[in-house]
N, C-alpha and C. Protein backbone atom coordinates (compact mmCIF):
# COMPACT_ATOMS: atom_id res chain seq x y z
N MET A 1 39.44 11.67 61.01
CA MET A 1 40.01 10.67 60.18
C MET A 1 38.88 9.87 59.47
N MET A 2 37.83 9.74 60.12
CA MET A 2 36.67 9.05 59.57
C MET A 2 36.18 9.75 58.31
N ARG A 3 36.20 11.03 58.31
CA ARG A 3 35.70 11.79 57.11
C ARG A 3 36.64 11.58 55.93
N SER A 4 37.84 11.49 56.13
CA SER A 4 38.76 11.31 55.02
C SER A 4 38.61 9.92 54.38
N ILE A 5 38.23 8.91 55.16
CA ILE A 5 37.98 7.57 54.59
C ILE A 5 36.76 7.60 53.69
N HIS A 6 35.69 8.25 54.16
CA HIS A 6 34.49 8.36 53.37
C HIS A 6 34.69 9.16 52.11
N SER A 7 35.40 10.21 52.19
CA SER A 7 35.60 11.03 51.03
C SER A 7 36.54 10.31 50.02
N SER A 8 37.46 9.47 50.49
CA SER A 8 38.28 8.73 49.58
C SER A 8 37.50 7.58 48.92
N ILE A 9 36.49 7.00 49.58
CA ILE A 9 35.63 5.97 49.01
C ILE A 9 34.80 6.58 47.92
N ARG A 10 34.22 7.74 48.17
CA ARG A 10 33.42 8.42 47.18
C ARG A 10 34.24 8.81 45.97
N ALA A 11 35.44 9.19 46.21
CA ALA A 11 36.32 9.61 45.11
C ALA A 11 36.65 8.42 44.21
N THR A 12 36.77 7.25 44.82
CA THR A 12 37.13 6.08 43.96
C THR A 12 35.89 5.58 43.20
N HIS A 13 34.68 5.82 43.71
CA HIS A 13 33.48 5.36 42.98
C HIS A 13 33.08 6.28 41.86
N ARG A 14 33.39 7.54 41.95
CA ARG A 14 32.99 8.50 40.93
C ARG A 14 33.62 8.26 39.59
N PRO A 15 34.90 8.05 39.47
CA PRO A 15 35.46 7.88 38.16
C PRO A 15 34.92 6.64 37.47
N ALA A 16 34.52 5.62 38.16
CA ALA A 16 33.97 4.43 37.54
C ALA A 16 32.63 4.71 36.89
N GLN A 17 31.92 5.67 37.38
CA GLN A 17 30.58 5.96 36.84
C GLN A 17 30.57 7.06 35.84
N GLN A 18 31.67 7.71 35.56
CA GLN A 18 31.69 8.79 34.62
C GLN A 18 31.43 8.24 33.21
N GLY A 19 30.60 8.91 32.45
CA GLY A 19 30.23 8.50 31.12
C GLY A 19 29.07 7.51 31.06
N PHE A 20 28.59 7.04 32.21
CA PHE A 20 27.47 6.10 32.23
C PHE A 20 26.21 6.74 31.74
N THR A 21 25.97 8.00 32.09
CA THR A 21 24.77 8.73 31.61
C THR A 21 24.84 8.90 30.10
N LEU A 22 26.01 9.16 29.55
CA LEU A 22 26.16 9.32 28.11
C LEU A 22 25.81 8.04 27.40
N ILE A 23 26.23 6.91 27.94
CA ILE A 23 25.85 5.61 27.36
C ILE A 23 24.38 5.39 27.39
N GLU A 24 23.75 5.72 28.54
CA GLU A 24 22.31 5.59 28.66
C GLU A 24 21.56 6.41 27.61
N VAL A 25 22.05 7.65 27.42
CA VAL A 25 21.41 8.56 26.44
C VAL A 25 21.60 7.97 25.03
N MET A 26 22.76 7.47 24.73
CA MET A 26 22.99 6.90 23.39
C MET A 26 22.12 5.68 23.13
N VAL A 27 21.96 4.86 24.12
CA VAL A 27 21.08 3.65 23.98
C VAL A 27 19.65 4.13 23.76
N ALA A 28 19.21 5.13 24.56
CA ALA A 28 17.86 5.66 24.42
C ALA A 28 17.63 6.25 23.07
N VAL A 29 18.59 6.96 22.53
CA VAL A 29 18.48 7.53 21.15
C VAL A 29 18.40 6.41 20.10
N LEU A 30 19.19 5.37 20.29
CA LEU A 30 19.19 4.22 19.39
C LEU A 30 17.80 3.53 19.38
N VAL A 31 17.26 3.26 20.54
CA VAL A 31 15.95 2.65 20.68
C VAL A 31 14.88 3.55 20.08
N PHE A 32 14.95 4.83 20.32
CA PHE A 32 14.00 5.77 19.78
C PHE A 32 14.12 5.79 18.24
N SER A 33 15.33 5.79 17.70
CA SER A 33 15.53 5.77 16.27
C SER A 33 14.91 4.57 15.61
N PHE A 34 15.10 3.36 16.20
CA PHE A 34 14.46 2.16 15.65
C PHE A 34 12.92 2.30 15.67
N GLY A 35 12.41 2.88 16.73
CA GLY A 35 10.95 3.14 16.82
C GLY A 35 10.43 3.98 15.71
N VAL A 36 11.18 5.08 15.48
CA VAL A 36 10.79 6.05 14.42
C VAL A 36 10.89 5.38 13.05
N LEU A 37 11.96 4.61 12.81
CA LEU A 37 12.06 3.91 11.53
C LEU A 37 10.94 2.93 11.33
N GLY A 38 10.54 2.23 12.39
CA GLY A 38 9.39 1.32 12.29
C GLY A 38 8.11 2.04 11.95
N ILE A 39 7.89 3.17 12.53
CA ILE A 39 6.68 3.96 12.24
C ILE A 39 6.68 4.44 10.82
N VAL A 40 7.81 4.94 10.32
CA VAL A 40 7.93 5.39 8.96
C VAL A 40 7.67 4.22 8.00
N GLY A 41 8.23 3.05 8.29
CA GLY A 41 7.98 1.90 7.42
C GLY A 41 6.51 1.49 7.40
N MET A 42 5.85 1.51 8.57
CA MET A 42 4.43 1.20 8.59
C MET A 42 3.61 2.20 7.82
N GLN A 43 3.96 3.47 7.89
CA GLN A 43 3.22 4.48 7.17
C GLN A 43 3.39 4.30 5.63
N ALA A 44 4.61 3.94 5.22
CA ALA A 44 4.82 3.70 3.80
C ALA A 44 4.00 2.50 3.29
N ARG A 45 3.94 1.43 4.12
CA ARG A 45 3.12 0.28 3.73
C ARG A 45 1.64 0.60 3.71
N ALA A 46 1.20 1.41 4.65
CA ALA A 46 -0.21 1.82 4.72
C ALA A 46 -0.56 2.63 3.45
N ALA A 47 0.35 3.50 3.05
CA ALA A 47 0.09 4.30 1.80
C ALA A 47 0.02 3.37 0.59
N GLN A 48 0.92 2.37 0.55
CA GLN A 48 0.88 1.41 -0.59
C GLN A 48 -0.39 0.62 -0.60
N PHE A 49 -0.85 0.15 0.55
CA PHE A 49 -2.11 -0.61 0.62
C PHE A 49 -3.28 0.29 0.23
N SER A 50 -3.25 1.57 0.57
CA SER A 50 -4.27 2.47 0.22
C SER A 50 -4.42 2.62 -1.31
N VAL A 51 -3.26 2.78 -1.96
CA VAL A 51 -3.24 2.91 -3.42
C VAL A 51 -3.75 1.64 -4.08
N GLN A 52 -3.36 0.47 -3.56
CA GLN A 52 -3.85 -0.80 -4.11
C GLN A 52 -5.35 -0.92 -3.93
N ALA A 53 -5.87 -0.53 -2.82
CA ALA A 53 -7.34 -0.58 -2.56
C ALA A 53 -8.08 0.36 -3.51
N GLU A 54 -7.48 1.52 -3.73
CA GLU A 54 -8.09 2.48 -4.63
C GLU A 54 -8.16 1.94 -6.05
N ASP A 55 -7.09 1.30 -6.51
CA ASP A 55 -7.05 0.68 -7.88
C ASP A 55 -8.09 -0.43 -8.00
N ARG A 56 -8.22 -1.28 -6.93
CA ARG A 56 -9.21 -2.35 -6.98
C ARG A 56 -10.63 -1.77 -7.04
N ALA A 57 -10.89 -0.74 -6.28
CA ALA A 57 -12.24 -0.12 -6.30
C ALA A 57 -12.49 0.50 -7.66
N ARG A 58 -11.51 1.13 -8.26
CA ARG A 58 -11.65 1.72 -9.57
C ARG A 58 -11.92 0.65 -10.63
N ALA A 59 -11.22 -0.45 -10.54
CA ALA A 59 -11.45 -1.58 -11.48
C ALA A 59 -12.87 -2.16 -11.34
N ALA A 60 -13.34 -2.29 -10.10
CA ALA A 60 -14.70 -2.80 -9.89
C ALA A 60 -15.74 -1.79 -10.44
N LEU A 61 -15.50 -0.54 -10.28
CA LEU A 61 -16.47 0.46 -10.82
C LEU A 61 -16.46 0.44 -12.34
N LEU A 62 -15.26 0.29 -12.96
CA LEU A 62 -15.20 0.21 -14.42
C LEU A 62 -15.87 -1.06 -14.96
N ALA A 63 -15.66 -2.17 -14.29
CA ALA A 63 -16.39 -3.42 -14.69
C ALA A 63 -17.89 -3.21 -14.55
N ASN A 64 -18.33 -2.61 -13.48
CA ASN A 64 -19.76 -2.35 -13.28
C ASN A 64 -20.30 -1.45 -14.39
N GLU A 65 -19.52 -0.53 -14.87
CA GLU A 65 -19.98 0.39 -15.92
C GLU A 65 -20.32 -0.37 -17.22
N ILE A 66 -19.45 -1.30 -17.64
CA ILE A 66 -19.69 -2.02 -18.88
C ILE A 66 -20.79 -3.07 -18.66
N VAL A 67 -20.87 -3.67 -17.45
CA VAL A 67 -21.92 -4.62 -17.16
C VAL A 67 -23.26 -3.88 -17.20
N THR A 68 -23.33 -2.67 -16.71
CA THR A 68 -24.56 -1.87 -16.71
C THR A 68 -25.03 -1.64 -18.18
N GLN A 69 -24.07 -1.43 -19.08
CA GLN A 69 -24.42 -1.30 -20.49
C GLN A 69 -25.00 -2.58 -21.05
N MET A 70 -24.41 -3.68 -20.64
CA MET A 70 -24.96 -4.98 -21.11
C MET A 70 -26.36 -5.18 -20.60
N TRP A 71 -26.61 -4.86 -19.35
CA TRP A 71 -27.97 -5.03 -18.83
C TRP A 71 -28.92 -4.03 -19.48
N ALA A 72 -28.50 -2.84 -19.76
CA ALA A 72 -29.36 -1.87 -20.42
C ALA A 72 -29.68 -2.28 -21.85
N GLN A 73 -28.73 -2.89 -22.55
CA GLN A 73 -28.95 -3.35 -23.94
C GLN A 73 -29.55 -4.75 -23.96
N GLN A 74 -29.63 -5.42 -22.84
CA GLN A 74 -30.18 -6.75 -22.73
C GLN A 74 -29.43 -7.76 -23.63
N THR A 75 -28.12 -7.61 -23.65
CA THR A 75 -27.25 -8.51 -24.44
C THR A 75 -25.84 -8.57 -23.85
N ILE A 76 -25.16 -9.69 -24.03
CA ILE A 76 -23.80 -9.75 -23.60
C ILE A 76 -22.83 -9.45 -24.69
N SER A 77 -23.37 -9.20 -25.93
CA SER A 77 -22.58 -8.84 -27.08
C SER A 77 -22.82 -7.36 -27.42
N LEU A 78 -21.99 -6.51 -26.88
CA LEU A 78 -22.18 -5.07 -27.08
C LEU A 78 -21.50 -4.63 -28.39
N ASP A 79 -22.04 -3.55 -28.96
CA ASP A 79 -21.43 -2.93 -30.13
C ASP A 79 -20.03 -2.44 -29.76
N GLU A 80 -19.06 -3.04 -30.49
CA GLU A 80 -17.67 -2.71 -30.18
C GLU A 80 -17.33 -1.22 -30.23
N ALA A 81 -17.68 -0.60 -31.34
CA ALA A 81 -17.31 0.83 -31.55
C ALA A 81 -18.07 1.76 -30.59
N LYS A 82 -19.30 1.43 -30.29
CA LYS A 82 -20.13 2.32 -29.51
C LYS A 82 -19.90 2.16 -28.01
N TYR A 83 -19.67 0.98 -27.53
CA TYR A 83 -19.59 0.76 -26.09
C TYR A 83 -18.20 0.26 -25.61
N VAL A 84 -17.66 -0.75 -26.28
CA VAL A 84 -16.47 -1.41 -25.77
C VAL A 84 -15.21 -0.55 -25.93
N LEU A 85 -14.99 -0.01 -27.09
CA LEU A 85 -13.76 0.77 -27.32
C LEU A 85 -13.67 2.03 -26.38
N PRO A 86 -14.76 2.79 -26.25
CA PRO A 86 -14.68 3.90 -25.32
C PRO A 86 -14.42 3.43 -23.83
N TRP A 87 -15.01 2.32 -23.49
CA TRP A 87 -14.82 1.76 -22.14
C TRP A 87 -13.37 1.29 -21.94
N GLN A 88 -12.80 0.67 -22.95
CA GLN A 88 -11.41 0.24 -22.88
C GLN A 88 -10.47 1.44 -22.72
N LYS A 89 -10.77 2.56 -23.41
CA LYS A 89 -10.00 3.77 -23.25
C LYS A 89 -10.09 4.30 -21.78
N LEU A 90 -11.27 4.19 -21.17
CA LEU A 90 -11.44 4.60 -19.77
C LEU A 90 -10.55 3.74 -18.86
N VAL A 91 -10.54 2.43 -19.14
CA VAL A 91 -9.70 1.53 -18.34
C VAL A 91 -8.21 1.86 -18.45
N GLU A 92 -7.80 2.16 -19.69
CA GLU A 92 -6.38 2.51 -19.88
C GLU A 92 -5.99 3.77 -19.16
N ASP A 93 -6.93 4.77 -19.16
CA ASP A 93 -6.68 6.04 -18.50
C ASP A 93 -6.75 5.96 -16.99
N ALA A 94 -7.62 5.12 -16.47
CA ALA A 94 -7.90 5.08 -15.02
C ALA A 94 -6.97 4.21 -14.22
N LEU A 95 -6.40 3.21 -14.83
CA LEU A 95 -5.54 2.26 -14.08
C LEU A 95 -4.14 2.20 -14.69
N PRO A 96 -3.13 2.00 -13.88
CA PRO A 96 -1.76 1.92 -14.41
C PRO A 96 -1.61 0.61 -15.28
N SER A 97 -1.19 0.79 -16.49
CA SER A 97 -1.09 -0.30 -17.45
C SER A 97 -2.40 -1.10 -17.54
N GLY A 98 -3.50 -0.38 -17.51
CA GLY A 98 -4.84 -1.01 -17.52
C GLY A 98 -5.26 -1.54 -18.87
N ILE A 99 -5.81 -2.72 -18.87
CA ILE A 99 -6.34 -3.35 -20.10
C ILE A 99 -7.70 -3.89 -19.76
N GLY A 100 -8.71 -3.57 -20.55
CA GLY A 100 -10.07 -4.05 -20.37
C GLY A 100 -10.48 -4.89 -21.56
N ARG A 101 -11.10 -6.06 -21.24
CA ARG A 101 -11.59 -6.94 -22.33
C ARG A 101 -13.00 -7.36 -21.98
N VAL A 102 -13.81 -7.50 -23.04
CA VAL A 102 -15.17 -8.04 -22.91
C VAL A 102 -15.27 -9.16 -23.95
N ASN A 103 -15.55 -10.38 -23.46
CA ASN A 103 -15.63 -11.51 -24.35
C ASN A 103 -16.73 -12.47 -23.91
N LYS A 104 -17.84 -12.48 -24.68
CA LYS A 104 -18.95 -13.37 -24.43
C LYS A 104 -19.47 -13.31 -23.00
N GLY A 105 -19.66 -12.12 -22.49
CA GLY A 105 -20.22 -11.94 -21.15
C GLY A 105 -19.21 -11.98 -20.02
N VAL A 106 -17.94 -12.12 -20.37
CA VAL A 106 -16.94 -12.10 -19.33
C VAL A 106 -16.12 -10.79 -19.45
N VAL A 107 -16.17 -10.03 -18.40
CA VAL A 107 -15.43 -8.73 -18.36
C VAL A 107 -14.14 -8.96 -17.56
N THR A 108 -12.98 -8.67 -18.18
CA THR A 108 -11.72 -8.87 -17.53
C THR A 108 -10.97 -7.57 -17.55
N ILE A 109 -10.49 -7.14 -16.39
CA ILE A 109 -9.62 -5.98 -16.31
C ILE A 109 -8.35 -6.35 -15.62
N THR A 110 -7.23 -6.03 -16.24
CA THR A 110 -5.91 -6.28 -15.67
C THR A 110 -5.17 -4.94 -15.59
N TRP A 111 -4.38 -4.82 -14.57
CA TRP A 111 -3.53 -3.65 -14.41
C TRP A 111 -2.32 -4.02 -13.59
N ARG A 112 -1.27 -3.23 -13.77
CA ARG A 112 -0.02 -3.50 -13.08
C ARG A 112 0.56 -2.18 -12.55
N PRO A 113 0.54 -1.99 -11.22
CA PRO A 113 1.19 -0.81 -10.69
C PRO A 113 2.68 -0.84 -10.88
N PRO A 114 3.37 0.24 -10.87
CA PRO A 114 4.79 0.29 -11.07
C PRO A 114 5.57 -0.49 -9.99
N SER A 115 4.97 -0.63 -8.81
CA SER A 115 5.68 -1.31 -7.72
C SER A 115 5.60 -2.85 -7.79
N ARG A 116 4.84 -3.41 -8.75
CA ARG A 116 4.64 -4.84 -8.82
C ARG A 116 5.14 -5.38 -10.14
N THR A 117 5.56 -6.63 -10.12
CA THR A 117 6.02 -7.33 -11.36
C THR A 117 4.84 -8.09 -11.94
N GLU A 118 3.93 -8.60 -11.14
CA GLU A 118 2.77 -9.33 -11.61
C GLU A 118 1.54 -8.45 -11.62
N PRO A 119 0.67 -8.58 -12.65
CA PRO A 119 -0.49 -7.73 -12.72
C PRO A 119 -1.63 -8.21 -11.77
N TYR A 120 -2.47 -7.30 -11.45
CA TYR A 120 -3.71 -7.62 -10.75
C TYR A 120 -4.78 -7.94 -11.82
N LYS A 121 -5.77 -8.72 -11.42
CA LYS A 121 -6.82 -9.09 -12.42
C LYS A 121 -8.15 -9.14 -11.72
N LEU A 122 -9.14 -8.51 -12.37
CA LEU A 122 -10.53 -8.54 -11.88
C LEU A 122 -11.36 -9.14 -13.05
N GLU A 123 -12.15 -10.13 -12.71
CA GLU A 123 -12.97 -10.80 -13.77
C GLU A 123 -14.37 -10.88 -13.26
N THR A 124 -15.32 -10.54 -14.14
CA THR A 124 -16.74 -10.59 -13.82
C THR A 124 -17.45 -11.31 -14.99
N LYS A 125 -18.32 -12.26 -14.61
CA LYS A 125 -19.08 -12.97 -15.64
C LYS A 125 -20.54 -12.45 -15.57
N VAL A 126 -21.06 -12.12 -16.71
CA VAL A 126 -22.43 -11.61 -16.83
C VAL A 126 -23.33 -12.69 -17.35
N VAL A 127 -24.42 -12.97 -16.67
CA VAL A 127 -25.38 -13.95 -17.08
C VAL A 127 -26.72 -13.28 -17.29
N MET A 128 -27.25 -13.38 -18.48
CA MET A 128 -28.52 -12.77 -18.79
C MET A 128 -29.62 -13.83 -18.66
N PRO A 129 -30.77 -13.41 -18.09
CA PRO A 129 -31.86 -14.40 -17.96
C PRO A 129 -32.54 -14.69 -19.30
């Protein structure tokens, strides 16, 4: 008789636990999915920051290129047709919506990536001794 009591207790506890493992698995999949989505989001942001850093580096190199011409010519007023116009074409080709200006020793480069509404700006002032 004792055995039948134990088996009836086990029988009553089993139906209450049915499906519990399924719920645990579903919660684990949900938590894992949020983790994967977070990693994908971080990777997308990292790629965006990488592109922005590349554009900034390119703008700095382009500004350095025209400043080098100023130092080589020993003047802040470069020949427009010979130096400035070809350099402006390089800026347009190298940066998204890139615009380069040289005005009285101030070199300004602006560009706007497709993902931004406001442009980035790099400005360098050249002082000749």
